Amino acid sequence: MKNSKITRREFIGGVTAAGLLAKPGFGSSEPPSKINRYALVSRHNPVMRKLDPLSPLSVGNGEFAFTCDVTGLQTFPEEYANAMPLCTMSQWGWHTKPLPEHLKGKELKLTEYETNGRKVGYMTTKTGQEELFYWLRENPHRLHLGRIGFRLLKANGIVAAASDITDIEQKLNLWSGTIHSNFKFEGKIVTVRTSAHPTLDLLAVSVESQLVADGKLSIHFAFPYGSQTMQAADWNSPDRHQSRIATQTENRACIRRNLDNDEYFVDVNWNGSAKFAIEKPHQFLLSATGTNKIDFVTHFTYAFSNKPRPAAAAAIAASESHWKNFWTNGAAVDFTGSKDKRAPELERRVVLSQYVTAIQCSGSLPPQETGLTTNSWYGKYHLEMHWWHAAQFALWNRFPLLDRSLDWYNDVLPSAKERAQQQGYTGARWAKMTDGTGRDSPSPVGTLLIWQQPHPIFYAELAYLNRPTKAMLTRFQNIVEESAEWMADYAHYDKAKDRYVLGPPAIPAQENHPARETWNPTYELEYWRYGLKTAQKWRERLGMPRRPEWDTVINKLSKLPVVDGVYMAHENCPQTFTERNKDHPSMLAALGILTGEMVDHETMRRTLKKVIKEWSWPETWGWDYPMIAMTAARLGEGAIAIDALMINTPKNRYSANGHNYQRPNLPLYLPGNGGLLYAIAMMAAGWKDAPKGNAPGFPKDGSWTVRSEGFDEKILRSI
């Protein structure tokens, strides 16, 4: 159950260190007036008055999250199952189905790709080995740790359905991180408060209703077998797992869970007189009589512990303190007074994106694209997306929330070095789709991606800019060195043209290009230059000599490919710009995400405008819009930046709960939220060589009033 090398790191979610206190954004002609943060945050509290299957609310802390329906618990999961499933998830909560006996000892056959005169094998082919291919992709998968809902009994003794509750009034109080749920059942009011403890995988719930005393309301616990599906749960295999009461006292019951070789514990603690009993296999009831209130906490852990758990009131109070600190510190942006009618919606997205990325993307592991809400790609995380989830924390003066996941790269560095060695390279090659082990997952596309490779160097630089100390340099030295070593070795010297070439094989960030026919992708070329230059700078800071072979690659790296006056996805891209104008317009990232040292601004401006005119927007993704906005901002095209952020297209929808919807099996997409926050930080507070004045990335026609404070100016001045 405890995924390999995953350790629980200290939670620093409050971000209360003196160095993280709010301060004006740099570049302003005058310091902005102090933002009323409570008013800013509170006006965007999500309020639900009916069941919305795409907008369940969540509480969490980066390591653990609980998603509930309009009752404040997971009472009616069937209503959400095919929209946004109600799950309970943690960073350590994984399940592995046993490898079938006939597959034991077998290895996946690699597909060989011609690579500059030699063959390199990749896990790209499933034909003839489908069962092993998919087992490796699907295992381990993240697990729904358990359903906690109300058992509501009607007067006739029948269990209530969703249609039986009325007068719904549910609000997520962002300032306190608490969900307040009120509803009526058979004319009687039920009041619920739901919170997650800030440092424990612990759910705290307080329930008040006459129905408790009447014996019509109890708490129902149910546990599934593991599944690689979006629901992360298999409710139809009761014989494949065990749920047993390990210990029980007057106010506590500990359930021991076993699924194949995985194990975890669920500790339920309650106040007052109540009864905890087995209802049937894998299902338990907590009920009380003679009182109209039940307060309880449920602690999920991979190891048994007898340590006292905080009571519900204490856990809720801890949540309130934590979230007040979160919103009081770090950065803030207020669009009050803007004439553009899109301003309130953009502000809502910005506020809610801070909340959902804090609870979903700030843990000790890189997050999966749906965080701790539900499964996407079996719960595994995509390392090229880690940047989009979490790099924004550093800009918003909440660097500790990014920092929690960075030591994982040191943990899995041996795996990355082994991958490089197997392919005949030096250094370390980072996986694309992985779990806590750092192993790559088979994929026709993913194993050939390269743009995740410089990411750890970027994170290390963010860490150093945040805290420029010898200790920080030492901590990330191996990550920077080994990442750059592979990058330099991967670049192939083209003697005829006296230049270094990236690929083939390579699949760029715009993934709809064949690996064997792709070389010198625009964004990746610029990122290679950044990564190797930063690695050299890192060596100099440590008093080490520059690597001359790296300088050779830097100085002779291929130029960015241009056709008809615009940048192409890669050098061998079809000459017609519109032939593959879908997926990510990644050529724009060379100036936007990056400072674009090799970029000609007018060529990029033409590229930007051609993308805006000709791209197939329904076939883009949630992080594409902030990526375009960053490019537009650096080019002084503030109006285009706003248009990109607010473009009306299916994958730029933000639900009532703040999540970026993409498609039915991807009802939330956190890279969109994180990318939005990164773009807004730049647009509001500046970037390297940004024009002077407030909000340099916004339109200058008087349509936007932007007040910002608290951004990390050291970092923004360097990116």
Foldseek 3Di string as FASTA:
>chain_A
DQPPPDDADFAPLLLQDPLFFKFAFPQAPDGFDDDPLLVLQQVQWFKDQAWDLLFFFWAFAQFWIWTDTLQQFPAAQVVNVLFFGTFTFGQRAWDADDDDPVCPPPDQDFDWFDAPNDTFTAQADCPPPVVVQVSLLQPTFGARFKGKHKQAADPVRDTDHSVQKHRWIWTQSLLLSKIWIWIDGPRWIKTKIWHQFNRFNKIKMKIFIVCQQVVRIWMKMAGFAADLAQNRGDNPCLPQKAWAFPDDDQFKTKIWIGHPPAIKIKIKGWDDGWDWAAPDTRMIIIGDHPHRMIIMMIGIGRDDDPDDDDTNVVRSVNSNVSSNSNSSTFKAKDFPPFQPPCRVVLSSLQSLLVVVLSRFQQAQAGFAQQGGRTHDSSRWHFLLLSCLSPVLCLQRSNLNSNVNNLCLCVVQLVVQQVSQVSRPFGFGQFEGTDGSNRDHRRHNFRRQARNSLLVSLVSLVSVCLSPVDPVSLVSCLSSLVRSLRRLLRQFPQDVVVRATKHDQQHAYQQRPDHRNQFIAFQQVLLSNLVSLVSNQVSCVSVVHHGDVSSVSNNVRHDAFADAPLAGARGNRPPNPRQPSQAEAPNNLLCPFVHVNPRDDLVSSVVHLVCNVVRHDQQRYALLRLLSSLRSCLVSQNQVSSVCSQPPDYQQNDADSSSFRQNDSSPSGGSSNSSSSSNSQSCQQNHAAPQNRHGRSNHDPPRSTDMRMMSTDNSHRNHD
